Amino acid sequence: MFAHFPYSVGVANIAPFLDSLPHP
């Protein structure tokens, strides 16, 4: 979903996953 939709938001608890996301 982050890769597909340009306007994307993560809630703060996404922080541990950021390094593994090719499209944060």
PDB file of all heavy atoms in Angstrom:
ATOM      1  N   MET A   1       0.830  -1.205   0.000  1.00  0.00           N
ATOM      2  CA  MET A   1       0.000   0.000   0.000  1.00  0.00           C
ATOM      3  C   MET A   1       0.867   1.259   0.000  1.00  0.00           C
ATOM      4  O   MET A   1       0.581   2.226  -0.707  1.00  0.00           O
ATOM      5  CB  MET A   1      -0.933  -0.005   1.199  1.00  0.00           C
ATOM      6  CG  MET A   1      -1.957  -1.124   1.200  1.00  0.00           C
ATOM      7  SD  MET A   1      -3.202  -0.959  -0.107  1.00  0.00           S
ATOM      8  CE  MET A   1      -4.249   0.324   0.571  1.00  0.00           C
ATOM      9  N   PHE A   2       1.938   1.262   0.793  1.00  0.00           N
ATOM     10  CA  PHE A   2       2.845   2.409   0.806  1.00  0.00           C
ATOM     11  C   PHE A   2       3.472   2.625  -0.578  1.00  0.00           C
ATOM     12  O   PHE A   2       3.684   3.758  -1.009  1.00  0.00           O
ATOM     13  CB  PHE A   2       3.948   2.206   1.843  1.00  0.00           C
ATOM     14  CG  PHE A   2       3.480   2.243   3.264  1.00  0.00           C
ATOM     15  CD1 PHE A   2       3.915   1.289   4.183  1.00  0.00           C
ATOM     16  CD2 PHE A   2       2.610   3.225   3.707  1.00  0.00           C
ATOM     17  CE1 PHE A   2       3.493   1.327   5.500  1.00  0.00           C
ATOM     18  CE2 PHE A   2       2.181   3.269   5.021  1.00  0.00           C
ATOM     19  CZ  PHE A   2       2.622   2.315   5.924  1.00  0.00           C
ATOM     20  N   ALA A   3       3.779   1.531  -1.264  1.00  0.00           N
ATOM     21  CA  ALA A   3       4.395   1.635  -2.581  1.00  0.00           C
ATOM     22  C   ALA A   3       3.393   2.089  -3.642  1.00  0.00           C
ATOM     23  O   ALA A   3       3.759   2.793  -4.582  1.00  0.00           O
ATOM     24  CB  ALA A   3       5.004   0.294  -2.979  1.00  0.00           C
ATOM     25  N   HIS A   4       2.137   1.693  -3.483  1.00  0.00           N
ATOM     26  CA  HIS A   4       1.138   1.942  -4.529  1.00  0.00           C
ATOM     27  C   HIS A   4       0.544   3.344  -4.472  1.00  0.00           C
ATOM     28  O   HIS A   4       0.290   3.959  -5.517  1.00  0.00           O
ATOM     29  CB  HIS A   4       0.016   0.909  -4.427  1.00  0.00           C
ATOM     30  CG  HIS A   4      -0.953   0.947  -5.565  1.00  0.00           C
ATOM     31  ND1 HIS A   4      -0.658   0.451  -6.815  1.00  0.00           N
ATOM     32  CD2 HIS A   4      -2.216   1.455  -5.655  1.00  0.00           C
ATOM     33  CE1 HIS A   4      -1.694   0.632  -7.623  1.00  0.00           C
ATOM     34  NE2 HIS A   4      -2.650   1.241  -6.942  1.00  0.00           N
ATOM     35  N   PHE A   5       0.311   3.847  -3.255  1.00  0.00           N
ATOM     36  CA  PHE A   5      -0.364   5.128  -3.113  1.00  0.00           C
ATOM     37  C   PHE A   5       0.627   6.216  -2.688  1.00  0.00           C
ATOM     38  O   PHE A   5       1.214   6.133  -1.609  1.00  0.00           O
ATOM     39  CB  PHE A   5      -1.501   5.023  -2.104  1.00  0.00           C
ATOM     40  CG  PHE A   5      -2.626   4.136  -2.563  1.00  0.00           C
ATOM     41  CD1 PHE A   5      -2.775   2.858  -2.039  1.00  0.00           C
ATOM     42  CD2 PHE A   5      -3.507   4.560  -3.537  1.00  0.00           C
ATOM     43  CE1 PHE A   5      -3.800   2.029  -2.476  1.00  0.00           C
ATOM     44  CE2 PHE A   5      -4.528   3.740  -3.994  1.00  0.00           C
ATOM     45  CZ  PHE A   5      -4.680   2.467  -3.466  1.00  0.00           C
ATOM     46  N   PRO A   6       0.817   7.234  -3.521  1.00  0.00           N
ATOM     47  CA  PRO A   6       1.806   8.275  -3.213  1.00  0.00           C
ATOM     48  C   PRO A   6       1.526   9.002  -1.905  1.00  0.00           C
ATOM     49  O   PRO A   6       2.464   9.364  -1.190  1.00  0.00           O
ATOM     50  CB  PRO A   6       1.700   9.220  -4.411  1.00  0.00           C
ATOM     51  CG  PRO A   6       1.115   8.413  -5.516  1.00  0.00           C
ATOM     52  CD  PRO A   6       0.200   7.433  -4.844  1.00  0.00           C
ATOM     53  N   TYR A   7       0.234   9.215  -1.587  1.00  0.00           N
ATOM     54  CA  TYR A   7      -0.076   9.930  -0.352  1.00  0.00           C
ATOM     55  C   TYR A   7      -0.307   8.897   0.748  1.00  0.00           C
ATOM     56  O   TYR A   7      -1.405   8.388   0.932  1.00  0.00           O
ATOM     57  CB  TYR A   7      -1.305  10.820  -0.505  1.00  0.00           C
ATOM     58  CG  TYR A   7      -1.237  12.005   0.425  1.00  0.00           C
ATOM     59  CD1 TYR A   7      -0.841  13.248  -0.047  1.00  0.00           C
ATOM     60  CD2 TYR A   7      -1.498  11.870   1.787  1.00  0.00           C
ATOM     61  CE1 TYR A   7      -0.723  14.338   0.809  1.00  0.00           C
ATOM     62  CE2 TYR A   7      -1.386  12.945   2.633  1.00  0.00           C
ATOM     63  CZ  TYR A   7      -1.012  14.173   2.136  1.00  0.00           C
ATOM     64  OH  TYR A   7      -0.888  15.232   2.988  1.00  0.00           O
ATOM     65  N   SER A   8       0.760   8.568   1.468  1.00  0.00           N
ATOM     66  CA  SER A   8       0.693   7.521   2.485  1.00  0.00           C
ATOM     67  C   SER A   8       1.232   8.038   3.812  1.00  0.00           C
ATOM     68  O   SER A   8       2.114   8.896   3.856  1.00  0.00           O
ATOM     69  CB  SER A   8       1.474   6.288   2.046  1.00  0.00           C
ATOM     70  OG  SER A   8       2.834   6.610   1.822  1.00  0.00           O
ATOM     71  N   VAL A   9       0.689   7.478   4.882  1.00  0.00           N
ATOM     72  CA  VAL A   9       1.030   7.913   6.231  1.00  0.00           C
ATOM     73  C   VAL A   9       1.265   6.681   7.098  1.00  0.00           C
ATOM     74  O   VAL A   9       0.549   5.677   6.976  1.00  0.00           O
ATOM     75  CB  VAL A   9      -0.107   8.768   6.846  1.00  0.00           C
ATOM     76  CG1 VAL A   9       0.232   9.184   8.274  1.00  0.00           C
ATOM     77  CG2 VAL A   9      -0.391   9.987   5.982  1.00  0.00           C
ATOM     78  N   GLY A  10       2.255   6.752   7.964  1.00  0.00           N
ATOM     79  CA  GLY A  10       2.477   5.717   8.958  1.00  0.00           C
ATOM     80  C   GLY A  10       2.204   6.277  10.341  1.00  0.00           C
ATOM     81  O   GLY A  10       2.576   7.415  10.636  1.00  0.00           O
ATOM     82  N   VAL A  11       1.535   5.497  11.188  1.00  0.00           N
ATOM     83  CA  VAL A  11       1.407   5.907  12.582  1.00  0.00           C
ATOM     84  C   VAL A  11       2.758   5.701  13.264  1.00  0.00           C
ATOM     85  O   VAL A  11       3.615   4.967  12.774  1.00  0.00           O
ATOM     86  CB  VAL A  11       0.281   5.123  13.293  1.00  0.00           C
ATOM     87  CG1 VAL A  11      -1.087   5.619  12.837  1.00  0.00           C
ATOM     88  CG2 VAL A  11       0.401   3.615  13.041  1.00  0.00           C
ATOM     89  N   ALA A  12       2.950   6.349  14.407  1.00  0.00           N
ATOM     90  CA  ALA A  12       4.286   6.408  15.009  1.00  0.00           C
ATOM     91  C   ALA A  12       4.884   5.032  15.279  1.00  0.00           C
ATOM     92  O   ALA A  12       6.106   4.855  15.192  1.00  0.00           O
ATOM     93  CB  ALA A  12       4.219   7.214  16.309  1.00  0.00           C
ATOM     94  N   ASN A  13       4.055   4.047  15.584  1.00  0.00           N
ATOM     95  CA  ASN A  13       4.567   2.720  15.919  1.00  0.00           C
ATOM     96  C   ASN A  13       5.068   1.938  14.708  1.00  0.00           C
ATOM     97  O   ASN A  13       5.461   0.769  14.838  1.00  0.00           O
ATOM     98  CB  ASN A  13       3.500   1.896  16.651  1.00  0.00           C
ATOM     99  CG  ASN A  13       2.117   1.982  16.041  1.00  0.00           C
ATOM    100  OD1 ASN A  13       1.501   3.048  16.058  1.00  0.00           O
ATOM    101  ND2 ASN A  13       1.627   0.886  15.520  1.00  0.00           N
ATOM    102  N   ILE A  14       5.114   2.579  13.542  1.00  0.00           N
ATOM    103  CA  ILE A  14       5.720   1.938  12.374  1.00  0.00           C
ATOM    104  C   ILE A  14       7.237   1.987  12.438  1.00  0.00           C
ATOM    105  O   ILE A  14       7.932   1.310  11.680  1.00  0.00           O
ATOM    106  CB  ILE A  14       5.235   2.603  11.072  1.00  0.00           C
ATOM    107  CG1 ILE A  14       5.501   1.681   9.872  1.00  0.00           C
ATOM    108  CG2 ILE A  14       5.886   3.968  10.872  1.00  0.00           C
ATOM    109  CD1 ILE A  14       4.936   2.190   8.564  1.00  0.00           C
ATOM    110  N   ALA A  15       7.782   2.769  13.352  1.00  0.00           N
ATOM    111  CA  ALA A  15       9.226   3.020  13.403  1.00  0.00           C
ATOM    112  C   ALA A  15      10.083   1.742  13.324  1.00  0.00           C
ATOM    113  O   ALA A  15      11.065   1.712  12.575  1.00  0.00           O
ATOM    114  CB  ALA A  15       9.573   3.822  14.654  1.00  0.00           C
ATOM    115  N   PRO A  16       9.758   0.644  14.054  1.00  0.00           N
ATOM    116  CA  PRO A  16      10.609  -0.551  13.964  1.00  0.00           C
ATOM    117  C   PRO A  16      10.637  -1.207  12.593  1.00  0.00           C
ATOM    118  O   PRO A  16      11.538  -1.994  12.299  1.00  0.00           O
ATOM    119  CB  PRO A  16       9.988  -1.498  15.007  1.00  0.00           C
ATOM    120  CG  PRO A  16       9.211  -0.626  15.926  1.00  0.00           C
ATOM    121  CD  PRO A  16       8.705   0.487  15.075  1.00  0.00           C
ATOM    122  N   PHE A  17       9.658  -0.894  11.730  1.00  0.00           N
ATOM    123  CA  PHE A  17       9.579  -1.531  10.416  1.00  0.00           C
ATOM    124  C   PHE A  17      10.212  -0.695   9.315  1.00  0.00           C
ATOM    125  O   PHE A  17      10.371  -1.173   8.190  1.00  0.00           O
ATOM    126  CB  PHE A  17       8.111  -1.792  10.048  1.00  0.00           C
ATOM    127  CG  PHE A  17       7.397  -2.754  10.951  1.00  0.00           C
ATOM    128  CD1 PHE A  17       6.662  -2.297  12.030  1.00  0.00           C
ATOM    129  CD2 PHE A  17       7.454  -4.120  10.726  1.00  0.00           C
ATOM    130  CE1 PHE A  17       5.995  -3.170  12.865  1.00  0.00           C
ATOM    131  CE2 PHE A  17       6.784  -5.014  11.552  1.00  0.00           C
ATOM    132  CZ  PHE A  17       6.063  -4.541  12.628  1.00  0.00           C
ATOM    133  N   LEU A  18      10.561   0.552   9.594  1.00  0.00           N
ATOM    134  CA  LEU A  18      10.967   1.469   8.527  1.00  0.00           C
ATOM    135  C   LEU A  18      12.183   0.978   7.750  1.00  0.00           C
ATOM    136  O   LEU A  18      12.245   1.095   6.521  1.00  0.00           O
ATOM    137  CB  LEU A  18      11.239   2.862   9.099  1.00  0.00           C
ATOM    138  CG  LEU A  18      10.002   3.662   9.521  1.00  0.00           C
ATOM    139  CD1 LEU A  18      10.406   4.998  10.133  1.00  0.00           C
ATOM    140  CD2 LEU A  18       9.066   3.888   8.334  1.00  0.00           C
ATOM    141  N   ASP A  19      13.156   0.437   8.442  1.00  0.00           N
ATOM    142  CA  ASP A  19      14.388   0.014   7.762  1.00  0.00           C
ATOM    143  C   ASP A  19      14.157  -1.148   6.799  1.00  0.00           C
ATOM    144  O   ASP A  19      14.965  -1.371   5.893  1.00  0.00           O
ATOM    145  CB  ASP A  19      15.453  -0.370   8.790  1.00  0.00           C
ATOM    146  CG  ASP A  19      16.002   0.846   9.533  1.00  0.00           C
ATOM    147  OD1 ASP A  19      15.851   1.969   9.020  1.00  0.00           O
ATOM    148  OD2 ASP A  19      16.549   0.661  10.636  1.00  0.00           O
ATOM    149  N   SER A  20      13.070  -1.901   6.992  1.00  0.00           N
ATOM    150  CA  SER A  20      12.801  -3.053   6.124  1.00  0.00           C
ATOM    151  C   SER A  20      11.805  -2.730   5.018  1.00  0.00           C
ATOM    152  O   SER A  20      11.484  -3.604   4.213  1.00  0.00           O
ATOM    153  CB  SER A  20      12.266  -4.226   6.962  1.00  0.00           C
ATOM    154  OG  SER A  20      11.034  -3.883   7.590  1.00  0.00           O
ATOM    155  N   LEU A  21      11.312  -1.486   4.960  1.00  0.00           N
ATOM    156  CA  LEU A  21      10.336  -1.108   3.942  1.00  0.00           C
ATOM    157  C   LEU A  21      11.040  -0.511   2.720  1.00  0.00           C
ATOM    158  O   LEU A  21      11.701   0.516   2.834  1.00  0.00           O
ATOM    159  CB  LEU A  21       9.349  -0.084   4.504  1.00  0.00           C
ATOM    160  CG  LEU A  21       8.327  -0.582   5.518  1.00  0.00           C
ATOM    161  CD1 LEU A  21       7.535   0.586   6.096  1.00  0.00           C
ATOM    162  CD2 LEU A  21       7.381  -1.602   4.882  1.00  0.00           C
ATOM    163  N   PRO A  22      10.911  -1.114   1.546  1.00  0.00           N
ATOM    164  CA  PRO A  22      11.515  -0.527   0.346  1.00  0.00           C
ATOM    165  C   PRO A  22      10.866   0.791  -0.039  1.00  0.00           C
ATOM    166  O   PRO A  22      11.483   1.635  -0.676  1.00  0.00           O
ATOM    167  CB  PRO A  22      11.294  -1.598  -0.726  1.00  0.00           C
ATOM    168  CG  PRO A  22      10.138  -2.409  -0.232  1.00  0.00           C
ATOM    169  CD  PRO A  22      10.225  -2.394   1.262  1.00  0.00           C
ATOM    170  N   HIS A  23       9.580   0.963   0.334  1.00  0.00           N
ATOM    171  CA  HIS A  23       8.852   2.206   0.069  1.00  0.00           C
ATOM    172  C   HIS A  23       8.162   2.643   1.362  1.00  0.00           C
ATOM    173  O   HIS A  23       7.029   2.245   1.612  1.00  0.00           O
ATOM    174  CB  HIS A  23       7.819   2.010  -1.049  1.00  0.00           C
ATOM    175  CG  HIS A  23       8.402   1.658  -2.367  1.00  0.00           C
ATOM    176  ND1 HIS A  23       8.939   2.598  -3.215  1.00  0.00           N
ATOM    177  CD2 HIS A  23       8.552   0.452  -2.976  1.00  0.00           C
ATOM    178  CE1 HIS A  23       9.384   1.986  -4.308  1.00  0.00           C
ATOM    179  NE2 HIS A  23       9.166   0.692  -4.184  1.00  0.00           N
ATOM    180  N   PRO A  24       8.840   3.418   2.189  1.00  0.00           N
ATOM    181  CA  PRO A  24       8.231   3.858   3.443  1.00  0.00           C
ATOM    182  C   PRO A  24       7.122   4.869   3.185  1.00  0.00           C
ATOM    183  O   PRO A  24       7.018   5.417   2.076  1.00  0.00           O
ATOM    184  CB  PRO A  24       9.401   4.500   4.199  1.00  0.00           C
ATOM    185  CG  PRO A  24      10.338   4.941   3.135  1.00  0.00           C
ATOM    186  CD  PRO A  24      10.212   3.939   2.026  1.00  0.00           C
TER     187      PRO A  24
END
